[in-house]
Amino acid sequence: MNLHKDLTQERWNSRTLLFQMANMGTDFERALDWRARGEDDGSEKALWRGLELLKFTMGDPKNNKRRKELRRIKEIMLDYFYGDNQYGYTDEALHQYFNWYAYAAAIERGR
């Protein structure tokens, strides 16, 4: 299932890791925001869009050395939304994690 209609693995691979992480993080942050507002449907859709981008990121050969971290992100996000939050993350901690990538991607773009 392709939730990002025009996205292909090849196109995603042409982007930098910072771009990939920042965009994935945007969807995960939306999931957190929707959930905080009690909008479970919007939260779940954003979560699955983020997971799709994570799948594309994991499929990018240039990210092979980052696979452990990427698998951990998947584990943490699924546990946070559907599990017992065994790692003890908070919305704020997750926002901070993904915000660093957004900040770095903005610097990379020269903004």
Protein backbone atom coordinates (compact mmCIF):
# COMPACT_ATOMS: atom_id res chain seq x y z
CA MET A 1 0.00 0.00 0.00
CA ASN A 2 1.45 3.33 -1.04
CA LEU A 3 0.07 6.11 1.18
CA HIS A 4 2.33 8.69 -0.46
CA LYS A 5 0.82 8.37 -3.92
CA ASP A 6 3.67 9.69 -6.08
CA LEU A 7 6.54 8.35 -4.02
CA THR A 8 8.80 5.61 -5.32
CA GLN A 9 11.79 3.99 -3.67
CA GLU A 10 14.05 5.42 -6.37
CA ARG A 11 12.78 8.95 -5.82
CA TRP A 12 13.10 8.61 -2.04
CA ASN A 13 16.65 7.27 -2.40
CA SER A 14 17.63 10.46 -4.24
CA ARG A 15 17.01 12.45 -1.05
CA THR A 16 19.47 12.90 1.80
CA LEU A 17 19.09 11.04 5.05
CA LEU A 18 18.34 14.32 6.83
CA PHE A 19 15.53 15.05 4.36
CA GLN A 20 14.16 11.53 4.81
CA MET A 21 14.26 11.68 8.61
CA ALA A 22 12.75 15.17 8.74
CA ASN A 23 9.84 14.20 6.49
CA MET A 24 9.24 10.94 8.32
CA GLY A 25 9.37 12.86 11.58
CA THR A 26 6.76 15.32 10.31
CA ASP A 27 4.26 12.49 9.90
CA PHE A 28 5.14 11.02 13.30
CA GLU A 29 4.77 14.44 14.90
CA ARG A 30 1.36 14.84 13.26
CA ALA A 31 0.38 11.49 14.71
CA LEU A 32 1.38 12.69 18.17
CA ASP A 33 -0.48 15.99 17.73
CA TRP A 34 -3.66 14.34 16.47
CA ARG A 35 -3.54 11.84 19.33
CA ALA A 36 -3.10 14.65 21.90
CA ARG A 37 -6.28 16.24 20.50
CA GLY A 38 -8.17 12.94 20.75
CA GLU A 39 -8.36 12.51 16.97
CA ASP A 40 -7.54 8.82 16.80
CA ASP A 41 -8.32 8.40 13.09
CA GLY A 42 -6.04 11.26 12.03
CA SER A 43 -3.36 10.04 14.42
CA GLU A 44 -3.41 6.52 13.04
CA LYS A 45 -3.28 7.72 9.42
CA ALA A 46 -0.30 9.98 10.16
CA LEU A 47 1.44 7.17 12.05
CA TRP A 48 1.09 4.81 9.08
CA ARG A 49 2.33 7.50 6.68
CA GLY A 50 5.39 7.91 8.91
CA LEU A 51 5.90 4.15 8.98
CA GLU A 52 5.71 4.06 5.20
CA LEU A 53 8.44 6.70 4.95
CA LEU A 54 10.44 4.73 7.50
CA LYS A 55 10.11 1.65 5.27
CA PHE A 56 11.39 3.64 2.29
CA THR A 57 14.25 5.02 4.40
CA MET A 58 15.20 1.53 5.54
CA GLY A 59 15.14 0.41 1.89
CA ASP A 60 17.65 3.06 0.84
CA PRO A 61 21.11 1.44 0.46
CA LYS A 62 22.92 4.57 1.67
CA ASN A 63 21.24 4.09 5.06
CA ASN A 64 22.47 0.53 5.64
CA LYS A 65 24.67 1.61 8.55
CA ARG A 66 21.65 3.30 10.16
CA ARG A 67 19.34 0.28 10.02
CA LYS A 68 19.65 -0.45 13.73
CA GLU A 69 18.51 3.06 14.62
CA LEU A 70 15.74 2.92 12.00
CA ARG A 71 14.45 -0.41 13.32
CA ARG A 72 14.51 1.04 16.83
CA ILE A 73 12.43 4.03 15.68
CA LYS A 74 9.84 1.64 14.28
CA GLU A 75 9.83 -0.38 17.50
CA ILE A 76 9.49 2.74 19.65
CA MET A 77 6.70 4.28 17.58
CA LEU A 78 4.65 1.08 17.43
CA ASP A 79 5.15 0.48 21.15
CA TYR A 80 4.26 4.08 21.95
CA PHE A 81 1.02 3.99 19.98
CA TYR A 82 -0.06 0.36 20.33
CA GLY A 83 1.99 -1.16 23.14
CA ASP A 84 2.78 -0.43 26.76
CA ASN A 85 5.37 2.31 26.06
CA GLN A 86 8.03 0.07 27.59
CA TYR A 87 10.73 2.61 26.74
CA GLY A 88 8.97 5.38 28.65
CA TYR A 89 8.90 7.95 25.86
CA THR A 90 6.76 11.09 26.04
CA ASP A 91 5.26 13.21 23.29
CA GLU A 92 7.83 15.89 24.15
CA ALA A 93 10.79 13.52 23.88
CA LEU A 94 9.62 12.22 20.51
CA HIS A 95 9.00 15.74 19.24
CA GLN A 96 12.53 16.73 20.31
CA TYR A 97 14.07 13.73 18.56
CA PHE A 98 12.38 14.48 15.24
CA ASN A 99 12.78 18.26 15.55
CA TRP A 100 16.56 17.88 15.45
CA TYR A 101 16.27 16.24 12.06
CA ALA A 102 13.96 18.99 10.81
CA TYR A 103 16.44 21.59 12.03
CA ALA A 104 19.41 19.82 10.42
CA ALA A 105 17.51 19.35 7.15
CA ALA A 106 16.69 23.07 7.10
CA ILE A 107 20.37 23.91 7.57
CA GLU A 108 21.24 21.45 4.81
CA ARG A 109 18.81 23.26 2.47
CA GLY A 110 20.38 26.59 3.43
CA ARG A 111 17.44 27.94 5.41
